[in-house]
Amino acid sequence: MKALVLAVLICALALVGLTALAPALPAATVSCAPAADLLQQLKAKFAEVPLFSGDLAGKGRGGKLIITANPNGSTWTALFAVADGKACIAATGGPFRPGDPIPLGQEG
């Protein structure tokens, strides 16, 4: 389980770094709702549960990154939550596997 948490944490940190460089998405492509509702929907539809969360760096951002995942490794979701209780889906994917991250430019 520690390997799974470490692998997802590394992926999440890479995701945060990449999203900082990416252009903003049009509002129509982003799904936002109260965080509790999104977490309930992810659990019901994909059997995803929160794996970890962490405060985002940056003065005045007040945001939190929440990573959910299906324990069988089939799906994961990255949510960006803000202080007002709302969250937006930042990224989704799957399947994933625990273990050492693959260096960029190589396939596993």
PDB file of N, CA and C in Angstrom:
ATOM      1  N   MET A   1       0.826  -1.193   0.000  1.00  0.00           N
ATOM      2  CA  MET A   1       0.000   0.000   0.000  1.00  0.00           C
ATOM      3  C   MET A   1       0.869   1.255   0.000  1.00  0.00           C
ATOM      4  N   LYS A   2       2.016   1.197   0.725  1.00  0.00           N
ATOM      5  CA  LYS A   2       2.902   2.362   0.739  1.00  0.00           C
ATOM      6  C   LYS A   2       3.412   2.662  -0.662  1.00  0.00           C
ATOM      7  N   ALA A   3       3.699   1.602  -1.430  1.00  0.00           N
ATOM      8  CA  ALA A   3       4.180   1.807  -2.795  1.00  0.00           C
ATOM      9  C   ALA A   3       3.106   2.465  -3.648  1.00  0.00           C
ATOM     10  N   LEU A   4       1.849   2.056  -3.454  1.00  0.00           N
ATOM     11  CA  LEU A   4       0.743   2.648  -4.196  1.00  0.00           C
ATOM     12  C   LEU A   4       0.601   4.126  -3.868  1.00  0.00           C
ATOM     13  N   VAL A   5       0.646   4.451  -2.594  1.00  0.00           N
ATOM     14  CA  VAL A   5       0.533   5.847  -2.171  1.00  0.00           C
ATOM     15  C   VAL A   5       1.684   6.664  -2.737  1.00  0.00           C
ATOM     16  N   LEU A   6       2.894   6.132  -2.677  1.00  0.00           N
ATOM     17  CA  LEU A   6       4.060   6.842  -3.203  1.00  0.00           C
ATOM     18  C   LEU A   6       3.934   7.056  -4.706  1.00  0.00           C
ATOM     19  N   ALA A   7       3.510   6.020  -5.431  1.00  0.00           N
ATOM     20  CA  ALA A   7       3.380   6.142  -6.880  1.00  0.00           C
ATOM     21  C   ALA A   7       2.345   7.196  -7.256  1.00  0.00           C
ATOM     22  N   VAL A   8       1.209   7.176  -6.580  1.00  0.00           N
ATOM     23  CA  VAL A   8       0.163   8.149  -6.893  1.00  0.00           C
ATOM     24  C   VAL A   8       0.594   9.547  -6.478  1.00  0.00           C
ATOM     25  N   LEU A   9       1.299   9.669  -5.361  1.00  0.00           N
ATOM     26  CA  LEU A   9       1.796  10.967  -4.921  1.00  0.00           C
ATOM     27  C   LEU A   9       2.752  11.557  -5.951  1.00  0.00           C
ATOM     28  N   ILE A  10       3.647  10.749  -6.461  1.00  0.00           N
ATOM     29  CA  ILE A  10       4.595  11.225  -7.478  1.00  0.00           C
ATOM     30  C   ILE A  10       3.840  11.662  -8.730  1.00  0.00           C
ATOM     31  N   CYS A  11       2.855  10.870  -9.142  1.00  0.00           N
ATOM     32  CA  CYS A  11       2.049  11.242 -10.310  1.00  0.00           C
ATOM     33  C   CYS A  11       1.286  12.536 -10.067  1.00  0.00           C
ATOM     34  N   ALA A  12       0.741  12.683  -8.867  1.00  0.00           N
ATOM     35  CA  ALA A  12      -0.017  13.893  -8.547  1.00  0.00           C
ATOM     36  C   ALA A  12       0.877  15.122  -8.560  1.00  0.00           C
ATOM     37  N   LEU A  13       2.065  14.987  -8.009  1.00  0.00           N
ATOM     38  CA  LEU A  13       2.993  16.120  -8.015  1.00  0.00           C
ATOM     39  C   LEU A  13       3.376  16.493  -9.436  1.00  0.00           C
ATOM     40  N   ALA A  14       3.581  15.488 -10.280  1.00  0.00           N
ATOM     41  CA  ALA A  14       3.882  15.765 -11.682  1.00  0.00           C
ATOM     42  C   ALA A  14       2.689  16.441 -12.348  1.00  0.00           C
ATOM     43  N   LEU A  15       1.490  15.983 -12.026  1.00  0.00           N
ATOM     44  CA  LEU A  15       0.276  16.575 -12.579  1.00  0.00           C
ATOM     45  C   LEU A  15       0.144  18.034 -12.186  1.00  0.00           C
ATOM     46  N   VAL A  16       0.406  18.337 -10.927  1.00  0.00           N
ATOM     47  CA  VAL A  16       0.328  19.723 -10.460  1.00  0.00           C
ATOM     48  C   VAL A  16       1.331  20.583 -11.219  1.00  0.00           C
ATOM     49  N   GLY A  17       2.534  20.079 -11.397  1.00  0.00           N
ATOM     50  CA  GLY A  17       3.548  20.824 -12.136  1.00  0.00           C
ATOM     51  C   GLY A  17       3.144  21.053 -13.580  1.00  0.00           C
ATOM     52  N   LEU A  18       2.592  20.028 -14.217  1.00  0.00           N
ATOM     53  CA  LEU A  18       2.184  20.160 -15.610  1.00  0.00           C
ATOM     54  C   LEU A  18       0.981  21.084 -15.766  1.00  0.00           C
ATOM     55  N   THR A  19       0.045  21.020 -14.825  1.00  0.00           N
ATOM     56  CA  THR A  19      -1.127  21.886 -14.956  1.00  0.00           C
ATOM     57  C   THR A  19      -0.763  23.350 -14.761  1.00  0.00           C
ATOM     58  N   ALA A  20       0.294  23.619 -14.036  1.00  0.00           N
ATOM     59  CA  ALA A  20       0.728  25.003 -13.868  1.00  0.00           C
ATOM     60  C   ALA A  20       1.237  25.571 -15.188  1.00  0.00           C
ATOM     61  N   LEU A  21       1.744  24.692 -16.069  1.00  0.00           N
ATOM     62  CA  LEU A  21       2.276  25.127 -17.352  1.00  0.00           C
ATOM     63  C   LEU A  21       1.224  25.128 -18.454  1.00  0.00           C
ATOM     64  N   ALA A  22       0.137  24.409 -18.257  1.00  0.00           N
ATOM     65  CA  ALA A  22      -0.877  24.254 -19.297  1.00  0.00           C
ATOM     66  C   ALA A  22      -1.785  25.476 -19.362  1.00  0.00           C
ATOM     67  N   PRO A  23      -2.319  25.761 -20.553  1.00  0.00           N
ATOM     68  CA  PRO A  23      -3.284  26.854 -20.659  1.00  0.00           C
ATOM     69  C   PRO A  23      -4.573  26.480 -19.939  1.00  0.00           C
ATOM     70  N   ALA A  24      -5.328  27.482 -19.537  1.00  0.00           N
ATOM     71  CA  ALA A  24      -6.594  27.236 -18.840  1.00  0.00           C
ATOM     72  C   ALA A  24      -7.575  26.551 -19.777  1.00  0.00           C
ATOM     73  N   LEU A  25      -8.347  25.613 -19.228  1.00  0.00           N
ATOM     74  CA  LEU A  25      -9.358  24.926 -20.015  1.00  0.00           C
ATOM     75  C   LEU A  25     -10.619  25.776 -20.081  1.00  0.00           C
ATOM     76  N   PRO A  26     -11.366  25.672 -21.161  1.00  0.00           N
ATOM     77  CA  PRO A  26     -12.646  26.366 -21.212  1.00  0.00           C
ATOM     78  C   PRO A  26     -13.554  25.859 -20.097  1.00  0.00           C
ATOM     79  N   ALA A  27     -14.373  26.730 -19.552  1.00  0.00           N
ATOM     80  CA  ALA A  27     -15.224  26.371 -18.419  1.00  0.00           C
ATOM     81  C   ALA A  27     -16.129  25.184 -18.722  1.00  0.00           C
ATOM     82  N   ALA A  28     -16.541  25.011 -19.960  1.00  0.00           N
ATOM     83  CA  ALA A  28     -17.460  23.934 -20.305  1.00  0.00           C
ATOM     84  C   ALA A  28     -16.831  22.555 -20.146  1.00  0.00           C
ATOM     85  N   THR A  29     -15.504  22.457 -20.135  1.00  0.00           N
ATOM     86  CA  THR A  29     -14.858  21.154 -20.048  1.00  0.00           C
ATOM     87  C   THR A  29     -14.524  20.758 -18.616  1.00  0.00           C
ATOM     88  N   VAL A  30     -14.797  21.599 -17.654  1.00  0.00           N
ATOM     89  CA  VAL A  30     -14.450  21.324 -16.262  1.00  0.00           C
ATOM     90  C   VAL A  30     -15.716  20.992 -15.481  1.00  0.00           C
ATOM     91  N   SER A  31     -15.700  19.851 -14.771  1.00  0.00           N
ATOM     92  CA  SER A  31     -16.840  19.451 -13.941  1.00  0.00           C
ATOM     93  C   SER A  31     -16.601  19.886 -12.509  1.00  0.00           C
ATOM     94  N   CYS A  32     -17.459  20.757 -11.989  1.00  0.00           N
ATOM     95  CA  CYS A  32     -17.337  21.249 -10.618  1.00  0.00           C
ATOM     96  C   CYS A  32     -18.645  21.020  -9.874  1.00  0.00           C
ATOM     97  N   ALA A  33     -18.524  20.775  -8.574  1.00  0.00           N
ATOM     98  CA  ALA A  33     -19.684  20.547  -7.711  1.00  0.00           C
ATOM     99  C   ALA A  33     -19.192  20.599  -6.273  1.00  0.00           C
ATOM    100  N   PRO A  34     -20.094  20.558  -5.306  1.00  0.00           N
ATOM    101  CA  PRO A  34     -19.631  20.444  -3.926  1.00  0.00           C
ATOM    102  C   PRO A  34     -18.724  19.214  -3.784  1.00  0.00           C
ATOM    103  N   ALA A  35     -17.617  19.377  -3.073  1.00  0.00           N
ATOM    104  CA  ALA A  35     -16.625  18.303  -2.959  1.00  0.00           C
ATOM    105  C   ALA A  35     -17.244  17.010  -2.448  1.00  0.00           C
ATOM    106  N   ALA A  36     -18.105  17.101  -1.453  1.00  0.00           N
ATOM    107  CA  ALA A  36     -18.730  15.895  -0.897  1.00  0.00           C
ATOM    108  C   ALA A  36     -19.548  15.159  -1.956  1.00  0.00           C
ATOM    109  N   ASP A  37     -20.225  15.916  -2.829  1.00  0.00           N
ATOM    110  CA  ASP A  37     -21.016  15.295  -3.894  1.00  0.00           C
ATOM    111  C   ASP A  37     -20.119  14.587  -4.905  1.00  0.00           C
ATOM    112  N   LEU A  38     -19.030  15.247  -5.310  1.00  0.00           N
ATOM    113  CA  LEU A  38     -18.111  14.620  -6.260  1.00  0.00           C
ATOM    114  C   LEU A  38     -17.507  13.347  -5.679  1.00  0.00           C
ATOM    115  N   LEU A  39     -17.093  13.396  -4.418  1.00  0.00           N
ATOM    116  CA  LEU A  39     -16.505  12.210  -3.788  1.00  0.00           C
ATOM    117  C   LEU A  39     -17.518  11.072  -3.732  1.00  0.00           C
ATOM    118  N   GLN A  40     -18.772  11.389  -3.438  1.00  0.00           N
ATOM    119  CA  GLN A  40     -19.813  10.361  -3.384  1.00  0.00           C
ATOM    120  C   GLN A  40     -20.050   9.770  -4.772  1.00  0.00           C
ATOM    121  N   GLN A  41     -20.067  10.615  -5.798  1.00  0.00           N
ATOM    122  CA  GLN A  41     -20.277  10.141  -7.166  1.00  0.00           C
ATOM    123  C   GLN A  41     -19.127   9.256  -7.630  1.00  0.00           C
ATOM    124  N   LEU A  42     -17.895   9.639  -7.298  1.00  0.00           N
ATOM    125  CA  LEU A  42     -16.738   8.832  -7.688  1.00  0.00           C
ATOM    126  C   LEU A  42     -16.761   7.468  -7.004  1.00  0.00           C
ATOM    127  N   LYS A  43     -17.210   7.452  -5.764  1.00  0.00           N
ATOM    128  CA  LYS A  43     -17.312   6.175  -5.044  1.00  0.00           C
ATOM    129  C   LYS A  43     -18.402   5.299  -5.659  1.00  0.00           C
ATOM    130  N   ALA A  44     -19.559   5.894  -5.951  1.00  0.00           N
ATOM    131  CA  ALA A  44     -20.680   5.131  -6.499  1.00  0.00           C
ATOM    132  C   ALA A  44     -20.407   4.624  -7.918  1.00  0.00           C
ATOM    133  N   LYS A  45     -19.815   5.462  -8.758  1.00  0.00           N
ATOM    134  CA  LYS A  45     -19.646   5.109 -10.172  1.00  0.00           C
ATOM    135  C   LYS A  45     -18.384   4.301 -10.448  1.00  0.00           C
ATOM    136  N   PHE A  46     -17.288   4.616  -9.749  1.00  0.00           N
ATOM    137  CA  PHE A  46     -16.002   3.982 -10.049  1.00  0.00           C
ATOM    138  C   PHE A  46     -15.382   3.248  -8.866  1.00  0.00           C
ATOM    139  N   ALA A  47     -16.069   3.219  -7.722  1.00  0.00           N
ATOM    140  CA  ALA A  47     -15.540   2.607  -6.485  1.00  0.00           C
ATOM    141  C   ALA A  47     -14.236   3.283  -6.058  1.00  0.00           C
ATOM    142  N   GLU A  48     -14.106   4.578  -6.386  1.00  0.00           N
ATOM    143  CA  GLU A  48     -12.908   5.322  -5.994  1.00  0.00           C
ATOM    144  C   GLU A  48     -13.080   5.879  -4.586  1.00  0.00           C
ATOM    145  N   VAL A  49     -11.998   5.838  -3.841  1.00  0.00           N
ATOM    146  CA  VAL A  49     -11.969   6.385  -2.483  1.00  0.00           C
ATOM    147  C   VAL A  49     -10.793   7.352  -2.388  1.00  0.00           C
ATOM    148  N   PRO A  50     -10.864   8.337  -1.493  1.00  0.00           N
ATOM    149  CA  PRO A  50      -9.738   9.263  -1.354  1.00  0.00           C
ATOM    150  C   PRO A  50      -8.467   8.515  -0.960  1.00  0.00           C
ATOM    151  N   LEU A  51      -7.408   8.770  -1.697  1.00  0.00           N
ATOM    152  CA  LEU A  51      -6.116   8.158  -1.417  1.00  0.00           C
ATOM    153  C   LEU A  51      -5.277   9.104  -0.577  1.00  0.00           C
ATOM    154  N   PHE A  52      -5.258  10.370  -0.954  1.00  0.00           N
ATOM    155  CA  PHE A  52      -4.585  11.387  -0.149  1.00  0.00           C
ATOM    156  C   PHE A  52      -5.024  12.759  -0.613  1.00  0.00           C
ATOM    157  N   SER A  53      -4.716  13.751   0.204  1.00  0.00           N
ATOM    158  CA  SER A  53      -4.962  15.136  -0.177  1.00  0.00           C
ATOM    159  C   SER A  53      -3.827  15.978   0.369  1.00  0.00           C
ATOM    160  N   GLY A  54      -3.635  17.121  -0.238  1.00  0.00           N
ATOM    161  CA  GLY A  54      -2.584  18.016   0.223  1.00  0.00           C
ATOM    162  C   GLY A  54      -2.878  19.443  -0.182  1.00  0.00           C
ATOM    163  N   ASP A  55      -2.401  20.362   0.632  1.00  0.00           N
ATOM    164  CA  ASP A  55      -2.576  21.777   0.336  1.00  0.00           C
ATOM    165  C   ASP A  55      -1.684  22.168  -0.832  1.00  0.00           C
ATOM    166  N   LEU A  56      -2.210  22.987  -1.723  1.00  0.00           N
ATOM    167  CA  LEU A  56      -1.435  23.468  -2.855  1.00  0.00           C
ATOM    168  C   LEU A  56      -0.610  24.670  -2.433  1.00  0.00           C
ATOM    169  N   ALA A  57       0.596  24.723  -2.931  1.00  0.00           N
ATOM    170  CA  ALA A  57       1.488  25.836  -2.627  1.00  0.00           C
ATOM    171  C   ALA A  57       1.032  27.073  -3.390  1.00  0.00           C
ATOM    172  N   GLY A  58       1.398  28.195  -2.886  1.00  0.00           N
ATOM    173  CA  GLY A  58       1.075  29.439  -3.561  1.00  0.00           C
ATOM    174  C   GLY A  58       0.316  30.365  -2.643  1.00  0.00           C
ATOM    175  N   LYS A  59       0.807  31.540  -2.545  1.00  0.00           N
ATOM    176  CA  LYS A  59       0.215  32.524  -1.644  1.00  0.00           C
ATOM    177  C   LYS A  59      -1.224  32.835  -2.058  1.00  0.00           C
ATOM    178  N   GLY A  60      -2.125  32.701  -1.107  1.00  0.00           N
ATOM    179  CA  GLY A  60      -3.509  33.054  -1.336  1.00  0.00           C
ATOM    180  C   GLY A  60      -4.323  32.057  -2.136  1.00  0.00           C
ATOM    181  N   ARG A  61      -3.750  30.924  -2.516  1.00  0.00           N
ATOM    182  CA  ARG A  61      -4.501  29.968  -3.329  1.00  0.00           C
ATOM    183  C   ARG A  61      -5.551  29.249  -2.498  1.00  0.00           C
ATOM    184  N   GLY A  62      -5.191  28.812  -1.302  1.00  0.00           N
ATOM    185  CA  GLY A  62      -6.147  28.152  -0.426  1.00  0.00           C
ATOM    186  C   GLY A  62      -6.751  26.887  -0.989  1.00  0.00           C
ATOM    187  N   GLY A  63      -6.140  26.304  -1.984  1.00  0.00           N
ATOM    188  CA  GLY A  63      -6.689  25.114  -2.607  1.00  0.00           C
ATOM    189  C   GLY A  63      -6.097  23.833  -2.050  1.00  0.00           C
ATOM    190  N   LYS A  64      -6.753  22.750  -2.389  1.00  0.00           N
ATOM    191  CA  LYS A  64      -6.313  21.437  -1.951  1.00  0.00           C
ATOM    192  C   LYS A  64      -6.429  20.490  -3.139  1.00  0.00           C
ATOM    193  N   LEU A  65      -5.435  19.635  -3.308  1.00  0.00           N
ATOM    194  CA  LEU A  65      -5.469  18.590  -4.314  1.00  0.00           C
ATOM    195  C   LEU A  65      -5.929  17.316  -3.625  1.00  0.00           C
ATOM    196  N   ILE A  66      -6.945  16.670  -4.175  1.00  0.00           N
ATOM    197  CA  ILE A  66      -7.445  15.407  -3.637  1.00  0.00           C
ATOM    198  C   ILE A  66      -7.306  14.356  -4.731  1.00  0.00           C
ATOM    199  N   ILE A  67      -6.654  13.257  -4.412  1.00  0.00           N
ATOM    200  CA  ILE A  67      -6.516  12.145  -5.345  1.00  0.00           C
ATOM    201  C   ILE A  67      -7.378  10.999  -4.845  1.00  0.00           C
ATOM    202  N   THR A  68      -8.279  10.530  -5.703  1.00  0.00           N
ATOM    203  CA  THR A  68      -9.067   9.346  -5.391  1.00  0.00           C
ATOM    204  C   THR A  68      -8.639   8.241  -6.344  1.00  0.00           C
ATOM    205  N   ALA A  69      -8.823   7.001  -5.925  1.00  0.00           N
ATOM    206  CA  ALA A  69      -8.451   5.879  -6.783  1.00  0.00           C
ATOM    207  C   ALA A  69      -9.284   4.659  -6.434  1.00  0.00           C
ATOM    208  N   ASN A  70      -9.485   3.823  -7.427  1.00  0.00           N
ATOM    209  CA  ASN A  70     -10.105   2.531  -7.196  1.00  0.00           C
ATOM    210  C   ASN A  70      -9.000   1.614  -6.685  1.00  0.00           C
ATOM    211  N   PRO A  71      -9.205   0.917  -5.570  1.00  0.00           N
ATOM    212  CA  PRO A  71      -8.149   0.072  -5.012  1.00  0.00           C
ATOM    213  C   PRO A  71      -7.632  -1.002  -5.971  1.00  0.00           C
ATOM    214  N   ASN A  72      -8.416  -1.378  -6.990  1.00  0.00           N
ATOM    215  CA  ASN A  72      -7.930  -2.389  -7.930  1.00  0.00           C
ATOM    216  C   ASN A  72      -7.041  -1.799  -9.025  1.00  0.00           C
ATOM    217  N   GLY A  73      -6.855  -0.478  -9.012  1.00  0.00           N
ATOM    218  CA  GLY A  73      -5.952   0.165  -9.962  1.00  0.00           C
ATOM    219  C   GLY A  73      -6.576   0.520 -11.296  1.00  0.00           C
ATOM    220  N   SER A  74      -7.897   0.377 -11.424  1.00  0.00           N
ATOM    221  CA  SER A  74      -8.514   0.614 -12.725  1.00  0.00           C
ATOM    222  C   SER A  74      -8.719   2.088 -13.061  1.00  0.00           C
ATOM    223  N   THR A  75      -8.980   2.934 -12.055  1.00  0.00           N
ATOM    224  CA  THR A  75      -9.230   4.350 -12.318  1.00  0.00           C
ATOM    225  C   THR A  75      -8.678   5.225 -11.200  1.00  0.00           C
ATOM    226  N   TRP A  76      -8.440   6.498 -11.529  1.00  0.00           N
ATOM    227  CA  TRP A  76      -8.050   7.502 -10.536  1.00  0.00           C
ATOM    228  C   TRP A  76      -8.616   8.842 -10.992  1.00  0.00           C
ATOM    229  N   THR A  77      -8.750   9.759 -10.038  1.00  0.00           N
ATOM    230  CA  THR A  77      -9.244  11.105 -10.321  1.00  0.00           C
ATOM    231  C   THR A  77      -8.476  12.102  -9.466  1.00  0.00           C
ATOM    232  N   ALA A  78      -8.122  13.239 -10.056  1.00  0.00           N
ATOM    233  CA  ALA A  78      -7.506  14.344  -9.321  1.00  0.00           C
ATOM    234  C   ALA A  78      -8.537  15.466  -9.235  1.00  0.00           C
ATOM    235  N   LEU A  79      -8.818  15.900  -8.010  1.00  0.00           N
ATOM    236  CA  LEU A  79      -9.763  16.988  -7.772  1.00  0.00           C
ATOM    237  C   LEU A  79      -9.020  18.194  -7.219  1.00  0.00           C
ATOM    238  N   PHE A  80      -9.462  19.382  -7.602  1.00  0.00           N
ATOM    239  CA  PHE A  80      -8.963  20.621  -7.021  1.00  0.00           C
ATOM    240  C   PHE A  80     -10.099  21.191  -6.199  1.00  0.00           C
ATOM    241  N   ALA A  81      -9.911  21.278  -4.885  1.00  0.00           N
ATOM    242  CA  ALA A  81     -10.953  21.786  -3.988  1.00  0.00           C
ATOM    243  C   ALA A  81     -10.564  23.165  -3.478  1.00  0.00           C
ATOM    244  N   VAL A  82     -11.561  24.011  -3.302  1.00  0.00           N
ATOM    245  CA  VAL A  82     -11.325  25.359  -2.790  1.00  0.00           C
ATOM    246  C   VAL A  82     -12.060  25.540  -1.467  1.00  0.00           C
ATOM    247  N   ALA A  83     -11.770  26.649  -0.800  1.00  0.00           N
ATOM    248  CA  ALA A  83     -12.253  26.886   0.558  1.00  0.00           C
ATOM    249  C   ALA A  83     -13.774  26.919   0.673  1.00  0.00           C
ATOM    250  N   ASP A  84     -14.491  27.249  -0.393  1.00  0.00           N
ATOM    251  CA  ASP A  84     -15.953  27.334  -0.292  1.00  0.00           C
ATOM    252  C   ASP A  84     -16.646  25.972  -0.333  1.00  0.00           C
ATOM    253  N   GLY A  85     -15.859  24.893  -0.379  1.00  0.00           N
ATOM    254  CA  GLY A  85     -16.433  23.553  -0.362  1.00  0.00           C
ATOM    255  C   GLY A  85     -16.660  22.946  -1.726  1.00  0.00           C
ATOM    256  N   LYS A  86     -16.412  23.715  -2.780  1.00  0.00           N
ATOM    257  CA  LYS A  86     -16.569  23.180  -4.125  1.00  0.00           C
ATOM    258  C   LYS A  86     -15.266  22.535  -4.578  1.00  0.00           C
ATOM    259  N   ALA A  87     -15.397  21.625  -5.532  1.00  0.00           N
ATOM    260  CA  ALA A  87     -14.233  20.964  -6.111  1.00  0.00           C
ATOM    261  C   ALA A  87     -14.470  20.797  -7.602  1.00  0.00           C
ATOM    262  N   CYS A  88     -13.374  20.737  -8.338  1.00  0.00           N
ATOM    263  CA  CYS A  88     -13.438  20.527  -9.781  1.00  0.00           C
ATOM    264  C   CYS A  88     -12.548  19.346 -10.138  1.00  0.00           C
ATOM    265  N   ILE A  89     -12.985  18.584 -11.129  1.00  0.00           N
ATOM    266  CA  ILE A  89     -12.173  17.473 -11.607  1.00  0.00           C
ATOM    267  C   ILE A  89     -11.070  18.061 -12.479  1.00  0.00           C
ATOM    268  N   ALA A  90      -9.827  17.855 -12.059  1.00  0.00           N
ATOM    269  CA  ALA A  90      -8.677  18.372 -12.797  1.00  0.00           C
ATOM    270  C   ALA A  90      -8.179  17.365 -13.821  1.00  0.00           C
ATOM    271  N   ALA A  91      -8.270  16.078 -13.497  1.00  0.00           N
ATOM    272  CA  ALA A  91      -7.785  15.036 -14.399  1.00  0.00           C
ATOM    273  C   ALA A  91      -8.345  13.696 -13.959  1.00  0.00           C
ATOM    274  N   THR A  92      -8.457  12.788 -14.925  1.00  0.00           N
ATOM    275  CA  THR A  92      -8.872  11.421 -14.636  1.00  0.00           C
ATOM    276  C   THR A  92      -8.005  10.483 -15.449  1.00  0.00           C
ATOM    277  N   GLY A  93      -7.954   9.247 -15.040  1.00  0.00           N
ATOM    278  CA  GLY A  93      -7.170   8.301 -15.808  1.00  0.00           C
ATOM    279  C   GLY A  93      -7.299   6.890 -15.288  1.00  0.00           C
ATOM    280  N   GLY A  94      -6.551   6.036 -15.918  1.00  0.00           N
ATOM    281  CA  GLY A  94      -6.498   4.651 -15.527  1.00  0.00           C
ATOM    282  C   GLY A  94      -6.092   3.828 -16.735  1.00  0.00           C
ATOM    283  N   PRO A  95      -5.653   2.654 -16.564  1.00  0.00           N
ATOM    284  CA  PRO A  95      -5.327   2.078 -15.266  1.00  0.00           C
ATOM    285  C   PRO A  95      -4.001   2.633 -14.743  1.00  0.00           C
ATOM    286  N   PHE A  96      -3.761   2.407 -13.480  1.00  0.00           N
ATOM    287  CA  PHE A  96      -2.482   2.792 -12.897  1.00  0.00           C
ATOM    288  C   PHE A  96      -1.929   1.595 -12.152  1.00  0.00           C
ATOM    289  N   ARG A  97      -0.652   1.646 -11.882  1.00  0.00           N
ATOM    290  CA  ARG A  97      -0.038   0.557 -11.132  1.00  0.00           C
ATOM    291  C   ARG A  97       0.886   1.145 -10.090  1.00  0.00           C
ATOM    292  N   PRO A  98       0.937   0.521  -8.932  1.00  0.00           N
ATOM    293  CA  PRO A  98       1.879   0.984  -7.909  1.00  0.00           C
ATOM    294  C   PRO A  98       3.289   0.581  -8.294  1.00  0.00           C
ATOM    295  N   GLY A  99       4.249   1.271  -7.759  1.00  0.00           N
ATOM    296  CA  GLY A  99       5.636   0.917  -8.012  1.00  0.00           C
ATOM    297  C   GLY A  99       6.452   2.124  -8.383  1.00  0.00           C
ATOM    298  N   ASP A 100       7.647   1.848  -8.828  1.00  0.00           N
ATOM    299  CA  ASP A 100       8.561   2.916  -9.202  1.00  0.00           C
ATOM    300  C   ASP A 100       8.032   3.645 -10.429  1.00  0.00           C
ATOM    301  N   PRO A 101       8.105   4.977 -10.428  1.00  0.00           N
ATOM    302  CA  PRO A 101       7.653   5.720 -11.598  1.00  0.00           C
ATOM    303  C   PRO A 101       8.543   5.425 -12.796  1.00  0.00           C
ATOM    304  N   ILE A 102       7.939   5.463 -13.968  1.00  0.00           N
ATOM    305  CA  ILE A 102       8.681   5.237 -15.203  1.00  0.00           C
ATOM    306  C   ILE A 102       9.288   6.562 -15.634  1.00  0.00           C
ATOM    307  N   PRO A 103      10.591   6.592 -15.936  1.00  0.00           N
ATOM    308  CA  PRO A 103      11.203   7.847 -16.391  1.00  0.00           C
ATOM    309  C   PRO A 103      10.503   8.367 -17.645  1.00  0.00           C
ATOM    310  N   LEU A 104      10.398   9.676 -17.752  1.00  0.00           N
ATOM    311  CA  LEU A 104       9.779  10.282 -18.925  1.00  0.00           C
ATOM    312  C   LEU A 104      10.481   9.813 -20.187  1.00  0.00           C
ATOM    313  N   GLY A 105       9.710   9.549 -21.216  1.00  0.00           N
ATOM    314  CA  GLY A 105      10.271   9.111 -22.480  1.00  0.00           C
ATOM    315  C   GLY A 105      10.400   7.605 -22.599  1.00  0.00           C
ATOM    316  N   GLN A 106      10.038   6.860 -21.557  1.00  0.00           N
ATOM    317  CA  GLN A 106      10.096   5.403 -21.599  1.00  0.00           C
ATOM    318  C   GLN A 106       8.712   4.844 -21.330  1.00  0.00           C
ATOM    319  N   GLU A 107       8.444   3.691 -21.898  1.00  0.00           N
ATOM    320  CA  GLU A 107       7.169   3.028 -21.647  1.00  0.00           C
ATOM    321  C   GLU A 107       7.385   1.865 -20.709  1.00  0.00           C
ATOM    322  N   GLY A 108       6.320   1.518 -19.953  1.00  0.00           N
ATOM    323  CA  GLY A 108       6.420   0.443 -18.976  1.00  0.00           C
ATOM    324  C   GLY A 108       5.994  -0.838 -19.451  1.00  0.00           C
TER     325      GLY A 108
END
